[in-house]
Amino acid sequence: MIRSGVPLVLGVESSCDETGFGLVSEGVLLGQGLASSAAQHADFGGVVPEIAARAHLDAAVPTLHLALEDAGVELADITHVAVTSGPGLATAVHVGLAAAKAVAWSLDKPLYGVHHLAGHAAADTLEHGPLPERSIVLIVSGGHTSILAVGDLVRDPIEHLGDTLDDAAGEAFDKVARLLGLGYPGGPAISRAAAGGDPAAFRFPRAMLRPGDAPFVFSFSGLKTAVARTVERIERAGEQVPVADIAASFEQAVVDVLVTKALRAVRERNLGTLVIVGGVAANARLRAVAQERCDADGIELRIPPPALCTDNGAMIAAVGDLLVRSGADPSGLRIAADPSAVLHGAQLPLPR
C-alpha cells in the first residue's frame, strides 16, 4: 500500500527489443513487467527496428498490467510517469513514448523524458541505494560502451569521458557469436560457451591500450576481425573450430579492456567507486574480473543484479523517482523522441 502523498513513479522503456514498465517509490522498486522480442530477431542476427516496434505495440498494455499486478497497485495510484525518450531505435522509442503520454494524459499526471543511459546508471540505485557523491560509471550494452564521470545523477551534468569508436561491446558479442554459430543474442551465448573454454588459448588484441592511445576510448572492431580470421584459418586447415576456447579468449579480451580503462578513470579522478551497468554487466567473467581488480586496488565496485542490467522499465522509473524528489520540472506532453540523444543529463530537454 502506497502512503498518501508519497510519489509512485511509472517508468516506461522501449528503446530496443525489450518492452519494460516499472514502478518505483522513494528509491524502492515495487514491481515491474518485462517483455522481450529477442526471439523474433534471432533469424536476422540482430534487432530489426520494424519488428521491435510492432512487438512493443503488442506488449505494451499486457506488460503494464504485469507491472501493476507485481507492485500490487492500481493505475490510478500512479502519481508521475517517466519514459525513455532517447536514444534508441526511432520506431521503438516512439511506441514507448506514446504509451507513456497516453497514461500521463489520461491520469493528468506529470511526464518526464529520460535519457536511456541515465536509466542504466540509476538501475544500480535500486539495489545499492544512492550513488556516492562522485563515481565513475561504465556502461556496456548492445548499443553503447561509455565511461562517465557522474555526480548527483539528476542535478549535475554528466561528463562523457569516452565512448567506442565502432562496435559497442554487446554488438561485438553478437557478431562473434554469429561467427561461431552460437545464435542471438550473443552475450549469453558467448558466456555459456566460454564457461568450458580456456581464456588464454588465443591471444586476441586488446585495442586502445597502448601508450598514447586515448585513455577512455574503446574499439572492438579489430577484435571481431581477429576472431573471424582465426576461425577462417582453422577452417581452411580442415580442423575443428575450438568454439569454447575462442569464446573464452574473446570474452577475456573484451573484459580486460573494459576493466582496465574503467579503473584508469577511477584512479585519474581520484575516486573510490566504480559502477558497471548495462546488458553486458550481466556477464559473469566481467563481474568476477572487475571484483578481483577493484578489491586489489581498494575500490568499491557496484553492479546491479543481472535482472536490472538489461533494458527495463524499473531503471527509467528510478530516474523519474530521483527527478521527482529533486523537484525537477516535468517535461510535459511536448517531449519528443530523440533517437540519437547525446547524454548531458538524466532528463532530456524539450524540443525547441
Protein backbone atom coordinates (compact mmCIF):
# COMPACT_ATOMS: atom_id res chain seq x y z
CA MET A 1 0.00 0.00 0.00
CA ILE A 2 1.35 3.42 -1.03
CA ARG A 3 1.10 6.08 1.67
CA SER A 4 -0.89 9.17 0.84
CA GLY A 5 1.28 11.92 -0.64
CA VAL A 6 4.19 9.59 -1.48
CA PRO A 7 5.18 9.64 -5.18
CA LEU A 8 4.64 6.46 -7.20
CA VAL A 9 6.54 6.70 -10.48
CA LEU A 10 5.79 4.60 -13.54
CA GLY A 11 8.77 4.07 -15.83
CA VAL A 12 8.43 3.09 -19.49
CA GLU A 13 11.25 1.67 -21.63
CA SER A 14 11.12 0.69 -25.33
CA SER A 15 14.42 1.82 -26.85
CA CYS A 16 15.36 -1.53 -28.40
CA ASP A 17 13.82 -5.01 -28.13
CA GLU A 18 12.60 -5.02 -24.51
CA THR A 19 9.24 -3.56 -23.51
CA GLY A 20 9.53 -2.54 -19.88
CA PHE A 21 7.27 -0.98 -17.27
CA GLY A 22 8.44 -0.44 -13.69
CA LEU A 23 7.06 1.16 -10.54
CA VAL A 24 9.36 2.89 -8.05
CA SER A 25 8.56 4.84 -4.89
CA GLU A 26 11.18 6.62 -2.78
CA GLY A 27 14.03 4.63 -4.29
CA VAL A 28 12.34 1.25 -3.84
CA LEU A 29 11.35 -0.97 -6.76
CA LEU A 30 7.80 -2.15 -6.10
CA GLY A 31 7.19 -4.15 -9.26
CA GLN A 32 7.86 -4.44 -12.96
CA GLY A 33 6.79 -6.13 -16.15
CA LEU A 34 9.14 -7.01 -18.99
CA ALA A 35 8.63 -8.50 -22.45
CA SER A 36 11.36 -9.25 -24.99
CA SER A 37 11.15 -9.69 -28.75
CA ALA A 38 14.71 -11.13 -28.95
CA ALA A 39 13.45 -14.46 -30.27
CA GLN A 40 11.80 -12.70 -33.20
CA HIS A 41 15.15 -11.18 -34.21
CA ALA A 42 17.24 -14.34 -33.87
CA ASP A 43 16.95 -15.35 -37.54
CA PHE A 44 18.33 -11.94 -38.54
CA GLY A 45 21.28 -11.98 -36.15
CA GLY A 46 20.31 -8.60 -34.71
CA VAL A 47 17.41 -6.32 -33.91
CA VAL A 48 15.11 -5.35 -36.79
CA PRO A 49 13.55 -1.98 -35.90
CA GLU A 50 10.17 -2.60 -37.54
CA ILE A 51 9.77 -5.97 -35.82
CA ALA A 52 10.77 -4.42 -32.49
CA ALA A 53 8.23 -1.61 -32.86
CA ARG A 54 5.38 -4.00 -33.65
CA ALA A 55 6.38 -6.16 -30.69
CA HIS A 56 6.28 -3.11 -28.41
CA LEU A 57 2.77 -2.32 -29.64
CA ASP A 58 1.60 -5.84 -28.87
CA ALA A 59 3.32 -6.00 -25.48
CA ALA A 60 2.67 -2.52 -24.05
CA VAL A 61 -0.72 -3.00 -22.38
CA PRO A 62 -0.15 -6.56 -21.09
CA THR A 63 3.28 -5.60 -19.72
CA LEU A 64 1.86 -2.54 -17.97
CA HIS A 65 -0.74 -4.77 -16.32
CA LEU A 66 2.01 -7.18 -15.23
CA ALA A 67 3.89 -4.33 -13.57
CA LEU A 68 0.79 -3.08 -11.74
CA GLU A 69 -0.05 -6.59 -10.56
CA ASP A 70 3.54 -7.21 -9.45
CA ALA A 71 3.53 -3.99 -7.42
CA GLY A 72 0.05 -4.57 -6.02
CA VAL A 73 -1.18 -1.13 -7.09
CA GLU A 74 -3.81 0.32 -9.40
CA LEU A 75 -3.28 2.53 -12.43
CA ALA A 76 -4.92 5.39 -10.51
CA ASP A 77 -2.23 5.16 -7.82
CA ILE A 78 0.44 6.42 -10.22
CA THR A 79 1.50 10.00 -9.43
CA HIS A 80 4.22 10.56 -12.08
CA VAL A 81 5.33 8.99 -15.37
CA ALA A 82 8.87 8.73 -16.75
CA VAL A 83 9.80 7.41 -20.18
CA THR A 84 12.85 6.79 -22.33
CA SER A 85 12.70 9.49 -24.99
CA GLY A 86 16.15 8.67 -26.40
CA PRO A 87 18.50 7.36 -27.55
CA GLY A 88 17.37 4.17 -29.27
CA LEU A 89 15.70 2.82 -32.38
CA ALA A 90 13.41 5.58 -33.63
CA THR A 91 10.33 3.44 -34.24
CA ALA A 92 10.79 1.63 -30.92
CA VAL A 93 11.28 4.78 -28.84
CA HIS A 94 8.12 6.30 -30.34
CA VAL A 95 5.96 3.40 -29.14
CA GLY A 96 7.01 3.67 -25.50
CA LEU A 97 6.79 7.45 -25.60
CA ALA A 98 3.25 7.30 -26.99
CA ALA A 99 2.25 4.79 -24.30
CA ALA A 100 3.70 6.97 -21.53
CA LYS A 101 1.99 10.06 -22.89
CA ALA A 102 -1.32 8.20 -23.00
CA VAL A 103 -1.02 7.17 -19.36
CA ALA A 104 0.12 10.62 -18.22
CA TRP A 105 -2.63 12.37 -20.19
CA SER A 106 -5.40 10.02 -19.07
CA LEU A 107 -4.40 10.36 -15.40
CA ASP A 108 -3.47 14.06 -15.70
CA LYS A 109 -0.04 13.34 -14.19
CA PRO A 110 3.40 14.89 -14.83
CA LEU A 111 5.59 13.30 -17.52
CA TYR A 112 9.41 13.21 -17.57
CA GLY A 113 11.52 12.42 -20.64
CA VAL A 114 14.56 10.40 -19.57
CA HIS A 115 17.88 9.58 -21.23
CA HIS A 116 18.20 5.82 -21.64
CA LEU A 117 21.83 5.67 -20.42
CA ALA A 118 20.99 7.59 -17.26
CA GLY A 119 18.44 4.88 -16.65
CA HIS A 120 21.15 2.22 -16.70
CA ALA A 121 23.12 4.20 -14.11
CA ALA A 122 20.03 4.61 -11.95
CA ALA A 123 19.34 0.87 -12.03
CA ASP A 124 22.14 0.38 -9.53
CA THR A 125 20.43 2.66 -7.00
CA LEU A 126 17.54 0.20 -6.81
CA GLU A 127 19.95 -2.43 -5.47
CA HIS A 128 22.63 -0.46 -3.59
CA GLY A 129 20.98 2.84 -2.71
CA PRO A 130 22.03 6.36 -3.76
CA LEU A 131 25.19 6.77 -5.80
CA PRO A 132 28.16 8.31 -3.97
CA GLU A 133 28.90 12.00 -4.32
CA ARG A 134 31.21 11.25 -7.27
CA SER A 135 31.76 7.99 -9.15
CA ILE A 136 32.83 6.51 -12.47
CA VAL A 137 30.12 4.67 -14.38
CA LEU A 138 30.99 2.15 -17.10
CA ILE A 139 28.02 1.47 -19.36
CA VAL A 140 28.36 -1.65 -21.52
CA SER A 141 25.43 -2.79 -23.64
CA GLY A 142 24.46 -3.81 -27.14
CA GLY A 143 24.46 -0.26 -28.40
CA HIS A 144 26.71 1.64 -26.00
CA THR A 145 30.13 1.40 -24.39
CA SER A 146 30.88 4.55 -22.42
CA ILE A 147 32.80 5.78 -19.40
CA LEU A 148 31.06 8.56 -17.50
CA ALA A 149 32.02 10.77 -14.57
CA VAL A 150 28.85 11.12 -12.51
CA GLY A 151 27.92 13.25 -9.52
CA ASP A 152 24.30 13.68 -8.50
CA LEU A 153 22.64 11.77 -11.32
CA VAL A 154 19.76 14.19 -11.86
CA ARG A 155 21.14 17.51 -10.58
CA ASP A 156 24.67 17.56 -12.03
CA PRO A 157 25.82 17.45 -15.66
CA ILE A 158 27.06 14.00 -16.72
CA GLU A 159 30.60 14.08 -18.11
CA HIS A 160 31.39 11.77 -21.00
CA LEU A 161 34.99 10.62 -20.68
CA GLY A 162 34.99 8.23 -23.61
CA ASP A 163 32.93 6.08 -25.94
CA THR A 164 33.52 3.39 -28.52
CA LEU A 165 34.85 4.32 -31.95
CA ASP A 166 32.99 1.47 -33.66
CA ASP A 167 31.18 -1.59 -32.31
CA ALA A 168 29.82 -1.45 -28.78
CA ALA A 169 30.90 -4.35 -26.58
CA GLY A 170 27.49 -6.03 -26.79
CA GLU A 171 27.47 -5.62 -30.56
CA ALA A 172 30.87 -7.34 -30.73
CA PHE A 173 29.47 -10.22 -28.66
CA ASP A 174 26.59 -10.58 -31.13
CA LYS A 175 28.88 -10.60 -34.17
CA VAL A 176 31.36 -13.07 -32.71
CA ALA A 177 28.53 -15.35 -31.59
CA ARG A 178 27.29 -15.36 -35.17
CA LEU A 179 30.79 -16.23 -36.44
CA LEU A 180 30.89 -19.18 -34.04
CA GLY A 181 27.36 -20.34 -34.85
CA LEU A 182 26.14 -19.69 -31.32
CA GLY A 183 23.00 -17.73 -32.15
CA TYR A 184 21.44 -14.50 -30.92
CA PRO A 185 21.61 -12.72 -28.52
CA GLY A 186 25.36 -13.13 -28.46
CA GLY A 187 26.19 -12.12 -24.90
CA PRO A 188 24.56 -15.06 -23.09
CA ALA A 189 25.58 -17.45 -25.89
CA ILE A 190 29.26 -16.47 -25.68
CA SER A 191 29.18 -16.65 -21.89
CA ARG A 192 27.75 -20.18 -21.94
CA ALA A 193 30.30 -21.38 -24.49
CA ALA A 194 33.19 -19.67 -22.72
CA ALA A 195 32.43 -21.47 -19.46
CA GLY A 196 34.06 -24.60 -20.89
CA GLY A 197 36.95 -22.87 -22.64
CA ASP A 198 40.47 -21.63 -21.96
CA PRO A 199 40.66 -17.80 -21.88
CA ALA A 200 44.40 -17.98 -22.63
CA ALA A 201 44.09 -20.30 -25.65
CA PHE A 202 44.20 -17.40 -28.15
CA ARG A 203 45.86 -14.04 -27.65
CA PHE A 204 43.36 -11.69 -29.26
CA PRO A 205 44.17 -7.94 -29.45
CA ARG A 206 43.38 -5.51 -26.64
CA ALA A 207 42.72 -2.37 -28.65
CA MET A 208 43.40 1.18 -27.47
CA LEU A 209 45.63 0.14 -24.55
CA ARG A 210 48.97 1.27 -25.97
CA PRO A 211 50.78 4.33 -24.64
CA GLY A 212 49.46 7.38 -26.46
CA ASP A 213 46.03 5.88 -27.17
CA ALA A 214 43.00 7.84 -25.99
CA PRO A 215 42.72 6.67 -22.37
CA PHE A 216 38.96 6.18 -22.19
CA VAL A 217 38.05 5.36 -25.80
CA PHE A 218 37.14 1.83 -26.92
CA SER A 219 37.37 -0.08 -30.20
CA PHE A 220 36.17 -3.65 -30.68
CA SER A 221 36.05 -3.89 -34.48
CA GLY A 222 39.63 -5.14 -34.75
CA LEU A 223 38.99 -7.78 -32.11
CA LYS A 224 35.99 -9.03 -34.04
CA THR A 225 38.09 -9.18 -37.22
CA ALA A 226 40.85 -11.10 -35.41
CA VAL A 227 38.32 -13.70 -34.29
CA ALA A 228 36.96 -14.00 -37.84
CA ARG A 229 40.45 -14.53 -39.30
CA THR A 230 41.24 -17.13 -36.64
CA VAL A 231 38.08 -19.08 -37.47
CA GLU A 232 38.81 -18.85 -41.21
CA ARG A 233 42.39 -20.07 -40.74
CA ILE A 234 41.30 -23.06 -38.67
CA GLU A 235 38.56 -23.99 -41.14
CA ARG A 236 40.94 -23.71 -44.12
CA ALA A 237 43.26 -26.12 -42.36
CA GLY A 238 40.41 -28.60 -42.16
CA GLU A 239 40.44 -28.57 -38.37
CA GLN A 240 37.53 -28.36 -35.97
CA VAL A 241 36.97 -24.85 -34.62
CA PRO A 242 37.53 -24.85 -30.82
CA VAL A 243 34.42 -22.82 -30.11
CA ALA A 244 34.74 -22.83 -26.32
CA ASP A 245 38.38 -21.68 -26.36
CA ILE A 246 37.73 -18.93 -28.91
CA ALA A 247 34.67 -17.74 -26.99
CA ALA A 248 36.59 -17.66 -23.71
CA SER A 249 39.59 -15.89 -25.26
CA PHE A 250 37.39 -13.32 -26.97
CA GLU A 251 35.42 -12.71 -23.77
CA GLN A 252 38.64 -12.25 -21.80
CA ALA A 253 39.95 -9.72 -24.33
CA VAL A 254 36.79 -7.61 -24.03
CA VAL A 255 36.80 -7.81 -20.24
CA ASP A 256 40.48 -6.84 -19.98
CA VAL A 257 39.91 -3.65 -21.97
CA LEU A 258 36.70 -2.70 -20.19
CA VAL A 259 38.09 -3.14 -16.69
CA THR A 260 41.50 -1.59 -17.43
CA LYS A 261 40.02 1.61 -18.86
CA ALA A 262 37.30 1.93 -16.22
CA LEU A 263 39.78 1.58 -13.36
CA ARG A 264 42.11 4.05 -15.07
CA ALA A 265 39.29 6.60 -14.95
CA VAL A 266 38.66 5.90 -11.26
CA ARG A 267 42.35 6.42 -10.42
CA GLU A 268 42.83 9.52 -12.57
CA ARG A 269 39.78 11.17 -10.97
CA ASN A 270 40.98 10.07 -7.52
CA LEU A 271 37.63 8.44 -6.78
CA GLY A 272 36.67 5.37 -4.79
CA THR A 273 33.71 3.85 -6.63
CA LEU A 274 33.21 2.11 -9.98
CA VAL A 275 29.68 1.35 -11.16
CA ILE A 276 29.22 -1.08 -14.06
CA VAL A 277 25.80 -1.21 -15.73
CA GLY A 278 24.14 -2.27 -18.98
CA GLY A 279 23.37 -5.62 -20.55
CA VAL A 280 27.00 -6.78 -20.71
CA ALA A 281 27.32 -6.10 -16.96
CA ALA A 282 25.42 -9.38 -16.51
CA ASN A 283 28.47 -11.23 -17.89
CA ALA A 284 29.94 -13.47 -15.18
CA ARG A 285 33.58 -13.05 -16.27
CA LEU A 286 33.30 -9.26 -16.34
CA ARG A 287 31.79 -9.25 -12.86
CA ALA A 288 34.48 -11.59 -11.49
CA VAL A 289 37.47 -9.80 -13.03
CA ALA A 290 36.16 -6.36 -12.07
CA GLN A 291 35.60 -7.50 -8.49
CA GLU A 292 39.08 -9.03 -8.24
CA ARG A 293 40.81 -5.94 -9.57
CA CYS A 294 38.69 -3.49 -7.56
CA ASP A 295 39.39 -5.46 -4.39
CA ALA A 296 43.13 -5.36 -5.14
CA ASP A 297 43.00 -1.56 -5.57
CA GLY A 298 40.68 -0.82 -2.65
CA ILE A 299 37.90 0.42 -4.95
CA GLU A 300 34.21 -0.14 -4.25
CA LEU A 301 32.52 -1.99 -7.12
CA ARG A 302 28.79 -1.65 -7.66
CA ILE A 303 26.97 -3.79 -10.24
CA PRO A 304 23.21 -4.30 -10.19
CA PRO A 305 21.84 -7.85 -10.34
CA PRO A 306 21.55 -9.32 -13.85
CA ALA A 307 17.78 -8.73 -13.93
CA LEU A 308 18.42 -4.97 -13.71
CA CYS A 309 21.28 -4.92 -16.23
CA THR A 310 19.23 -5.39 -19.39
CA ASP A 311 16.84 -2.68 -20.61
CA ASN A 312 13.85 -2.42 -18.26
CA GLY A 313 11.20 -0.02 -17.07
CA ALA A 314 12.41 -0.12 -13.47
CA MET A 315 15.57 1.81 -14.32
CA ILE A 316 13.56 4.54 -16.05
CA ALA A 317 11.19 4.72 -13.08
CA ALA A 318 14.28 5.07 -10.86
CA VAL A 319 15.37 8.17 -12.79
CA GLY A 320 11.86 9.56 -12.67
CA ASP A 321 11.74 8.98 -8.93
CA LEU A 322 15.02 10.85 -8.48
CA LEU A 323 13.77 13.71 -10.66
CA VAL A 324 10.53 13.99 -8.70
CA ARG A 325 12.33 14.00 -5.34
CA SER A 326 14.82 16.61 -6.61
CA GLY A 327 12.00 18.97 -7.56
CA ALA A 328 12.76 18.90 -11.30
CA ASP A 329 10.16 20.40 -13.59
CA PRO A 330 8.26 17.83 -15.69
CA SER A 331 8.95 17.61 -19.41
CA GLY A 332 5.25 17.57 -20.23
CA LEU A 333 3.44 16.11 -23.21
CA ARG A 334 5.55 18.16 -25.65
CA ILE A 335 8.59 15.95 -25.09
CA ALA A 336 9.69 14.38 -28.38
CA ALA A 337 11.60 11.22 -29.23
CA ASP A 338 15.31 11.85 -29.79
CA PRO A 339 16.78 8.59 -31.17
CA SER A 340 20.33 9.98 -31.21
CA ALA A 341 20.19 11.93 -27.94
CA VAL A 342 23.57 12.90 -26.51
CA LEU A 343 23.98 12.32 -22.80
CA HIS A 344 24.41 15.59 -20.92
CA GLY A 345 21.92 14.94 -18.13
CA ALA A 346 19.34 12.45 -16.94
CA GLN A 347 16.39 14.45 -18.22
CA LEU A 348 16.18 15.23 -21.92
CA PRO A 349 15.36 18.81 -22.92
CA LEU A 350 12.18 19.83 -24.69
CA PRO A 351 12.35 20.39 -28.46
CA ARG A 352 12.95 23.96 -29.50
